[in-house]
Amino acid sequence: MSLDSPVSRRLLSDEVFHRLRDSIVRGELVPGEKVKDSELAERLGLSRTPVREALARLADIGLVEAKPGVYTRITTLNRRDAEKTLAVLRSLDQLAIETAVPVMTEQDLRSMREANRDFERAVAGDDTTAALAADDRFHAVPITAADNPVLSRIVEQVHPQIHRILYRKFSTLLGGRNTIEHHDQLIDVCASGDARAAAELSGQHWSELGGHINQLFDTNQFAEAPTA
């Protein structure tokens, strides 16, 4: 949903938070861009209070940074933060898979296959939004099966930091056959019941993704908005 669409009065704080988060992920609000709660409130047709609350929550998860009395801006993309976030997500995903595999059902495996087919169709159609949504559904299956609320909450908090990188460079990072094939391989290993092998395979994929992201930083492909 566009940042400029009116927001309903129900659950304003959550809705504003999700609207701004998604706008940052999609690049509508770009890294380094200064933002003002008054201007955002005007665009959303709201008072400043729910916008301020949303910006504070976005700061807590690292998507917004503020220097009191000087600026509030969209957090810049940098290699160090990306590496740290990927390390956390890799560990959490491996924990989820290793925990989930022993209790996975046939329905879980079907859900993963269906999500990967949706991912494949989105890649073929060059639909980044649909592809990332399908990728999220794929990885959500073992996270849900692991039945660890703390793990789920942390993943939800840190994932947007990587999503905005994936959204900007989807075709380079996830758009090839290798991700589709990795998903299929992971499903097969999960179906075999080998939890440790499945976790190791997942870790390899996250490491490959980190390598690709490092290459993009090496070639300066994450331009930022002027901060002056």
C-alpha atoms as a PDB file:
ATOM      1  CA  MET A   1       0.000   0.000   0.000  1.00  0.00           C
ATOM      2  CA  SER A   2       1.323   3.452  -0.889  1.00  0.00           C
ATOM      3  CA  LEU A   3       2.665   5.755   1.792  1.00  0.00           C
ATOM      4  CA  ASP A   4       0.268   8.446   0.529  1.00  0.00           C
ATOM      5  CA  SER A   5      -2.931   6.388   0.989  1.00  0.00           C
ATOM      6  CA  PRO A   6      -5.126   7.504   3.928  1.00  0.00           C
ATOM      7  CA  VAL A   7      -4.729   5.464   7.107  1.00  0.00           C
ATOM      8  CA  SER A   8      -7.788   4.111   8.915  1.00  0.00           C
ATOM      9  CA  ARG A   9      -8.309   5.261  12.488  1.00  0.00           C
ATOM     10  CA  ARG A  10      -8.155   1.708  13.855  1.00  0.00           C
ATOM     11  CA  LEU A  11      -4.850   0.580  15.320  1.00  0.00           C
ATOM     12  CA  LEU A  12      -3.115   3.701  14.060  1.00  0.00           C
ATOM     13  CA  SER A  13       0.232   3.137  15.694  1.00  0.00           C
ATOM     14  CA  ASP A  14       0.661  -0.358  14.246  1.00  0.00           C
ATOM     15  CA  GLU A  15      -0.611   0.653  10.837  1.00  0.00           C
ATOM     16  CA  VAL A  16       1.681   3.669  10.595  1.00  0.00           C
ATOM     17  CA  PHE A  17       4.622   1.552  11.740  1.00  0.00           C
ATOM     18  CA  HIS A  18       3.957  -1.079   9.055  1.00  0.00           C
ATOM     19  CA  ARG A  19       3.342   1.560   6.378  1.00  0.00           C
ATOM     20  CA  LEU A  20       6.607   3.352   7.096  1.00  0.00           C
ATOM     21  CA  ARG A  21       8.552   0.099   7.486  1.00  0.00           C
ATOM     22  CA  ASP A  22       7.329  -1.136   4.104  1.00  0.00           C
ATOM     23  CA  SER A  23       8.122   2.219   2.484  1.00  0.00           C
ATOM     24  CA  ILE A  24      11.689   1.954   3.785  1.00  0.00           C
ATOM     25  CA  VAL A  25      12.016  -1.651   2.576  1.00  0.00           C
ATOM     26  CA  ARG A  26      10.716  -0.739  -0.886  1.00  0.00           C
ATOM     27  CA  GLY A  27      13.010   2.280  -1.112  1.00  0.00           C
ATOM     28  CA  GLU A  28      10.270   4.912  -1.212  1.00  0.00           C
ATOM     29  CA  LEU A  29      12.064   6.367   1.782  1.00  0.00           C
ATOM     30  CA  VAL A  30      15.701   5.973   0.798  1.00  0.00           C
ATOM     31  CA  PRO A  31      18.789   5.378   2.962  1.00  0.00           C
ATOM     32  CA  GLY A  32      20.090   8.655   4.351  1.00  0.00           C
ATOM     33  CA  GLU A  33      16.872  10.569   3.645  1.00  0.00           C
ATOM     34  CA  LYS A  34      15.862  13.001   6.379  1.00  0.00           C
ATOM     35  CA  VAL A  35      12.266  12.717   7.537  1.00  0.00           C
ATOM     36  CA  LYS A  36      10.044  14.937   9.697  1.00  0.00           C
ATOM     37  CA  ASP A  37       7.139  13.639  11.712  1.00  0.00           C
ATOM     38  CA  SER A  38       5.068  16.679  10.718  1.00  0.00           C
ATOM     39  CA  GLU A  39       5.542  16.042   6.998  1.00  0.00           C
ATOM     40  CA  LEU A  40       4.864  12.319   7.310  1.00  0.00           C
ATOM     41  CA  ALA A  41       1.776  13.023   9.402  1.00  0.00           C
ATOM     42  CA  GLU A  42       0.491  15.385   6.719  1.00  0.00           C
ATOM     43  CA  ARG A  43       1.057  12.785   3.984  1.00  0.00           C
ATOM     44  CA  LEU A  44      -0.796  10.188   6.039  1.00  0.00           C
ATOM     45  CA  GLY A  45      -3.568  12.527   7.092  1.00  0.00           C
ATOM     46  CA  LEU A  46      -2.857  12.015  10.804  1.00  0.00           C
ATOM     47  CA  SER A  47      -1.701  13.783  13.913  1.00  0.00           C
ATOM     48  CA  ARG A  48       2.006  13.654  14.717  1.00  0.00           C
ATOM     49  CA  THR A  49       1.630  11.341  17.734  1.00  0.00           C
ATOM     50  CA  PRO A  50       1.215   7.971  15.945  1.00  0.00           C
ATOM     51  CA  VAL A  51       3.948   8.961  13.494  1.00  0.00           C
ATOM     52  CA  ARG A  52       6.348   9.757  16.329  1.00  0.00           C
ATOM     53  CA  GLU A  53       5.514   6.423  17.943  1.00  0.00           C
ATOM     54  CA  ALA A  54       6.146   4.602  14.669  1.00  0.00           C
ATOM     55  CA  LEU A  55       9.473   6.359  14.115  1.00  0.00           C
ATOM     56  CA  ALA A  56      10.567   5.399  17.632  1.00  0.00           C
ATOM     57  CA  ARG A  57       9.732   1.751  16.920  1.00  0.00           C
ATOM     58  CA  LEU A  58      11.577   1.928  13.602  1.00  0.00           C
ATOM     59  CA  ALA A  59      14.606   3.288  15.432  1.00  0.00           C
ATOM     60  CA  ASP A  60      14.441   0.321  17.819  1.00  0.00           C
ATOM     61  CA  ILE A  61      14.782  -2.114  14.901  1.00  0.00           C
ATOM     62  CA  GLY A  62      17.491  -0.113  13.150  1.00  0.00           C
ATOM     63  CA  LEU A  63      15.595   1.326  10.180  1.00  0.00           C
ATOM     64  CA  VAL A  64      15.614   4.914  11.456  1.00  0.00           C
ATOM     65  CA  GLU A  65      18.334   6.850  13.266  1.00  0.00           C
ATOM     66  CA  ALA A  66      17.997  10.158  15.071  1.00  0.00           C
ATOM     67  CA  LYS A  67      20.222  12.848  16.531  1.00  0.00           C
ATOM     68  CA  PRO A  68      17.958  14.867  18.861  1.00  0.00           C
ATOM     69  CA  GLY A  69      17.508  18.424  17.673  1.00  0.00           C
ATOM     70  CA  VAL A  70      19.493  17.766  14.494  1.00  0.00           C
ATOM     71  CA  TYR A  71      17.852  15.115  12.293  1.00  0.00           C
ATOM     72  CA  THR A  72      15.793  12.004  11.989  1.00  0.00           C
ATOM     73  CA  ARG A  73      16.719   9.986   8.934  1.00  0.00           C
ATOM     74  CA  ILE A  74      16.422   6.614   7.296  1.00  0.00           C
ATOM     75  CA  THR A  75      19.358   4.483   8.385  1.00  0.00           C
ATOM     76  CA  THR A  76      22.067   4.216   5.762  1.00  0.00           C
ATOM     77  CA  LEU A  77      23.022   0.865   4.275  1.00  0.00           C
ATOM     78  CA  ASN A  78      26.460  -0.286   5.317  1.00  0.00           C
ATOM     79  CA  ARG A  79      28.430  -3.490   5.126  1.00  0.00           C
ATOM     80  CA  ARG A  80      29.072  -3.832   8.871  1.00  0.00           C
ATOM     81  CA  ASP A  81      25.384  -3.692   9.811  1.00  0.00           C
ATOM     82  CA  ALA A  82      24.447  -6.051   6.966  1.00  0.00           C
ATOM     83  CA  GLU A  83      27.041  -8.603   8.058  1.00  0.00           C
ATOM     84  CA  LYS A  84      25.892  -8.498  11.686  1.00  0.00           C
ATOM     85  CA  THR A  85      22.229  -8.821  10.706  1.00  0.00           C
ATOM     86  CA  LEU A  86      22.940 -11.715   8.356  1.00  0.00           C
ATOM     87  CA  ALA A  87      24.880 -13.517  11.084  1.00  0.00           C
ATOM     88  CA  VAL A  88      21.879 -13.269  13.403  1.00  0.00           C
ATOM     89  CA  LEU A  89      19.393 -14.361  10.740  1.00  0.00           C
ATOM     90  CA  ARG A  90      21.605 -17.284   9.704  1.00  0.00           C
ATOM     91  CA  SER A  91      21.809 -18.545  13.274  1.00  0.00           C
ATOM     92  CA  LEU A  92      18.090 -18.079  13.904  1.00  0.00           C
ATOM     93  CA  ASP A  93      17.110 -19.813  10.680  1.00  0.00           C
ATOM     94  CA  GLN A  94      19.396 -22.741  11.446  1.00  0.00           C
ATOM     95  CA  LEU A  95      17.935 -23.002  14.952  1.00  0.00           C
ATOM     96  CA  ALA A  96      14.402 -22.891  13.555  1.00  0.00           C
ATOM     97  CA  ILE A  97      15.082 -25.612  10.993  1.00  0.00           C
ATOM     98  CA  GLU A  98      16.937 -27.900  13.370  1.00  0.00           C
ATOM     99  CA  THR A  99      14.074 -27.567  15.864  1.00  0.00           C
ATOM    100  CA  ALA A 100      11.320 -27.854  13.265  1.00  0.00           C
ATOM    101  CA  VAL A 101      12.447 -30.814  11.159  1.00  0.00           C
ATOM    102  CA  PRO A 102      11.625 -33.509  13.757  1.00  0.00           C
ATOM    103  CA  VAL A 103       8.048 -32.214  14.064  1.00  0.00           C
ATOM    104  CA  MET A 104       7.365 -31.149  10.471  1.00  0.00           C
ATOM    105  CA  THR A 105       4.220 -32.543   8.888  1.00  0.00           C
ATOM    106  CA  GLU A 106       3.416 -33.366   5.283  1.00  0.00           C
ATOM    107  CA  GLN A 107       1.327 -30.202   5.224  1.00  0.00           C
ATOM    108  CA  ASP A 108       4.388 -28.185   6.251  1.00  0.00           C
ATOM    109  CA  LEU A 109       6.387 -29.664   3.386  1.00  0.00           C
ATOM    110  CA  ARG A 110       3.539 -28.996   0.945  1.00  0.00           C
ATOM    111  CA  SER A 111       3.392 -25.395   2.131  1.00  0.00           C
ATOM    112  CA  MET A 112       7.114 -24.997   1.469  1.00  0.00           C
ATOM    113  CA  ARG A 113       6.756 -26.496  -2.014  1.00  0.00           C
ATOM    114  CA  GLU A 114       3.802 -24.250  -2.825  1.00  0.00           C
ATOM    115  CA  ALA A 115       5.687 -21.178  -1.617  1.00  0.00           C
ATOM    116  CA  ASN A 116       8.686 -22.100  -3.749  1.00  0.00           C
ATOM    117  CA  ARG A 117       6.511 -22.553  -6.840  1.00  0.00           C
ATOM    118  CA  ASP A 118       5.023 -19.112  -6.154  1.00  0.00           C
ATOM    119  CA  PHE A 119       8.565 -17.800  -5.768  1.00  0.00           C
ATOM    120  CA  GLU A 120       9.559 -19.371  -9.086  1.00  0.00           C
ATOM    121  CA  ARG A 121       6.588 -17.799 -10.884  1.00  0.00           C
ATOM    122  CA  ALA A 122       7.342 -14.401  -9.368  1.00  0.00           C
ATOM    123  CA  VAL A 123      10.982 -14.630 -10.463  1.00  0.00           C
ATOM    124  CA  ALA A 124       9.889 -15.524 -13.999  1.00  0.00           C
ATOM    125  CA  GLY A 125       7.533 -12.535 -13.981  1.00  0.00           C
ATOM    126  CA  ASP A 126      10.187 -10.208 -12.525  1.00  0.00           C
ATOM    127  CA  ASP A 127       7.824  -9.407  -9.637  1.00  0.00           C
ATOM    128  CA  THR A 128      10.091  -8.533  -6.727  1.00  0.00           C
ATOM    129  CA  THR A 129       7.304  -7.885  -4.231  1.00  0.00           C
ATOM    130  CA  ALA A 130       5.604 -11.217  -4.910  1.00  0.00           C
ATOM    131  CA  ALA A 131       8.935 -13.064  -4.890  1.00  0.00           C
ATOM    132  CA  LEU A 132       9.967 -11.715  -1.495  1.00  0.00           C
ATOM    133  CA  ALA A 133       6.501 -12.460  -0.102  1.00  0.00           C
ATOM    134  CA  ALA A 134       6.786 -16.059  -1.347  1.00  0.00           C
ATOM    135  CA  ASP A 135      10.310 -16.348   0.079  1.00  0.00           C
ATOM    136  CA  ASP A 136       8.980 -15.139   3.424  1.00  0.00           C
ATOM    137  CA  ARG A 137       6.206 -17.746   3.349  1.00  0.00           C
ATOM    138  CA  PHE A 138       8.766 -20.429   2.554  1.00  0.00           C
ATOM    139  CA  HIS A 139      10.998 -19.581   5.510  1.00  0.00           C
ATOM    140  CA  ALA A 140       8.028 -18.961   7.804  1.00  0.00           C
ATOM    141  CA  VAL A 141       7.072 -22.641   7.677  1.00  0.00           C
ATOM    142  CA  PRO A 142      10.001 -23.974   9.757  1.00  0.00           C
ATOM    143  CA  ILE A 143       9.928 -20.875  11.973  1.00  0.00           C
ATOM    144  CA  THR A 144       6.271 -21.536  12.782  1.00  0.00           C
ATOM    145  CA  ALA A 145       6.857 -25.273  13.212  1.00  0.00           C
ATOM    146  CA  ALA A 146       9.705 -24.550  15.635  1.00  0.00           C
ATOM    147  CA  ASP A 147       7.096 -22.978  17.922  1.00  0.00           C
ATOM    148  CA  ASN A 148       9.510 -20.546  19.559  1.00  0.00           C
ATOM    149  CA  PRO A 149       7.864 -17.130  20.068  1.00  0.00           C
ATOM    150  CA  VAL A 150      11.140 -15.444  21.002  1.00  0.00           C
ATOM    151  CA  LEU A 151      12.796 -16.651  17.812  1.00  0.00           C
ATOM    152  CA  SER A 152       9.827 -15.540  15.701  1.00  0.00           C
ATOM    153  CA  ARG A 153       9.791 -12.095  17.291  1.00  0.00           C
ATOM    154  CA  ILE A 154      13.502 -11.471  16.733  1.00  0.00           C
ATOM    155  CA  VAL A 155      13.320 -12.612  13.105  1.00  0.00           C
ATOM    156  CA  GLU A 156      10.414 -10.241  12.512  1.00  0.00           C
ATOM    157  CA  GLN A 157      12.423  -7.376  14.005  1.00  0.00           C
ATOM    158  CA  VAL A 158      15.672  -7.856  12.061  1.00  0.00           C
ATOM    159  CA  HIS A 159      14.436  -9.219   8.732  1.00  0.00           C
ATOM    160  CA  PRO A 160      13.414  -5.805   7.305  1.00  0.00           C
ATOM    161  CA  GLN A 161      17.041  -4.656   7.444  1.00  0.00           C
ATOM    162  CA  ILE A 162      17.968  -7.349   4.917  1.00  0.00           C
ATOM    163  CA  HIS A 163      14.718  -7.078   2.984  1.00  0.00           C
ATOM    164  CA  ARG A 164      15.515  -3.547   1.898  1.00  0.00           C
ATOM    165  CA  ILE A 165      18.815  -4.774   0.463  1.00  0.00           C
ATOM    166  CA  LEU A 166      17.067  -7.668  -1.277  1.00  0.00           C
ATOM    167  CA  TYR A 167      14.403  -5.342  -2.660  1.00  0.00           C
ATOM    168  CA  ARG A 168      16.988  -3.012  -4.198  1.00  0.00           C
ATOM    169  CA  LYS A 169      19.056  -5.793  -5.778  1.00  0.00           C
ATOM    170  CA  PHE A 170      16.633  -8.704  -6.010  1.00  0.00           C
ATOM    171  CA  SER A 171      17.680  -9.975  -9.444  1.00  0.00           C
ATOM    172  CA  THR A 172      21.319 -10.116  -8.325  1.00  0.00           C
ATOM    173  CA  LEU A 173      20.717 -11.638  -4.894  1.00  0.00           C
ATOM    174  CA  LEU A 174      17.706 -13.951  -5.205  1.00  0.00           C
ATOM    175  CA  GLY A 175      16.540 -13.772  -8.795  1.00  0.00           C
ATOM    176  CA  GLY A 176      18.440 -16.749 -10.194  1.00  0.00           C
ATOM    177  CA  ARG A 177      17.716 -20.449 -10.409  1.00  0.00           C
ATOM    178  CA  ASN A 178      20.106 -21.131  -7.546  1.00  0.00           C
ATOM    179  CA  THR A 179      17.644 -19.905  -4.902  1.00  0.00           C
ATOM    180  CA  ILE A 180      14.801 -21.973  -6.353  1.00  0.00           C
ATOM    181  CA  GLU A 181      17.039 -25.028  -6.440  1.00  0.00           C
ATOM    182  CA  HIS A 182      18.277 -24.370  -2.900  1.00  0.00           C
ATOM    183  CA  HIS A 183      14.681 -24.263  -1.680  1.00  0.00           C
ATOM    184  CA  ASP A 184      13.924 -27.584  -3.383  1.00  0.00           C
ATOM    185  CA  GLN A 185      17.049 -29.155  -1.880  1.00  0.00           C
ATOM    186  CA  LEU A 186      16.142 -27.881   1.573  1.00  0.00           C
ATOM    187  CA  ILE A 187      12.644 -29.344   1.291  1.00  0.00           C
ATOM    188  CA  ASP A 188      14.105 -32.730   0.344  1.00  0.00           C
ATOM    189  CA  VAL A 189      16.510 -32.729   3.290  1.00  0.00           C
ATOM    190  CA  CYS A 190      13.748 -31.648   5.681  1.00  0.00           C
ATOM    191  CA  ALA A 191      11.560 -34.451   4.340  1.00  0.00           C
ATOM    192  CA  SER A 192      14.370 -36.940   5.032  1.00  0.00           C
ATOM    193  CA  GLY A 193      14.265 -35.994   8.711  1.00  0.00           C
ATOM    194  CA  ASP A 194      17.946 -35.040   8.917  1.00  0.00           C
ATOM    195  CA  ALA A 195      17.658 -31.900  11.023  1.00  0.00           C
ATOM    196  CA  ARG A 196      21.381 -31.206  11.253  1.00  0.00           C
ATOM    197  CA  ALA A 197      21.939 -31.528   7.505  1.00  0.00           C
ATOM    198  CA  ALA A 198      18.975 -29.246   6.828  1.00  0.00           C
ATOM    199  CA  ALA A 199      20.364 -26.624   9.203  1.00  0.00           C
ATOM    200  CA  GLU A 200      23.801 -26.843   7.586  1.00  0.00           C
ATOM    201  CA  LEU A 201      22.283 -26.429   4.121  1.00  0.00           C
ATOM    202  CA  SER A 202      20.369 -23.370   5.295  1.00  0.00           C
ATOM    203  CA  GLY A 203      23.535 -21.896   6.769  1.00  0.00           C
ATOM    204  CA  GLN A 204      25.339 -22.352   3.447  1.00  0.00           C
ATOM    205  CA  HIS A 205      22.607 -20.416   1.660  1.00  0.00           C
ATOM    206  CA  TRP A 206      22.815 -17.518   4.102  1.00  0.00           C
ATOM    207  CA  SER A 207      26.610 -17.471   3.727  1.00  0.00           C
ATOM    208  CA  GLU A 208      26.266 -17.331  -0.064  1.00  0.00           C
ATOM    209  CA  LEU A 209      23.798 -14.474   0.259  1.00  0.00           C
ATOM    210  CA  GLY A 210      26.250 -12.626   2.495  1.00  0.00           C
ATOM    211  CA  GLY A 211      28.976 -13.083  -0.101  1.00  0.00           C
ATOM    212  CA  HIS A 212      26.773 -11.635  -2.836  1.00  0.00           C
ATOM    213  CA  ILE A 213      25.842  -8.653  -0.654  1.00  0.00           C
ATOM    214  CA  ASN A 214      29.531  -8.012   0.089  1.00  0.00           C
ATOM    215  CA  GLN A 215      30.237  -7.959  -3.641  1.00  0.00           C
ATOM    216  CA  LEU A 216      27.568  -5.281  -4.080  1.00  0.00           C
ATOM    217  CA  PHE A 217      29.157  -3.178  -1.354  1.00  0.00           C
ATOM    218  CA  ASP A 218      32.548  -3.714  -3.017  1.00  0.00           C
ATOM    219  CA  THR A 219      31.191  -2.261  -6.245  1.00  0.00           C
ATOM    220  CA  ASN A 220      29.382   0.618  -4.459  1.00  0.00           C
ATOM    221  CA  GLN A 221      25.909  -0.343  -5.650  1.00  0.00           C
ATOM    222  CA  PHE A 222      24.028   1.005  -2.647  1.00  0.00           C
ATOM    223  CA  ALA A 223      23.759   4.712  -3.374  1.00  0.00           C
ATOM    224  CA  GLU A 224      22.387   6.881  -0.599  1.00  0.00           C
ATOM    225  CA  ALA A 225      20.394  10.081  -0.461  1.00  0.00           C
ATOM    226  CA  PRO A 226      22.343  13.266   0.358  1.00  0.00           C
ATOM    227  CA  THR A 227      22.356  13.892   4.121  1.00  0.00           C
ATOM    228  CA  ALA A 228      22.998  17.636   3.995  1.00  0.00           C
END
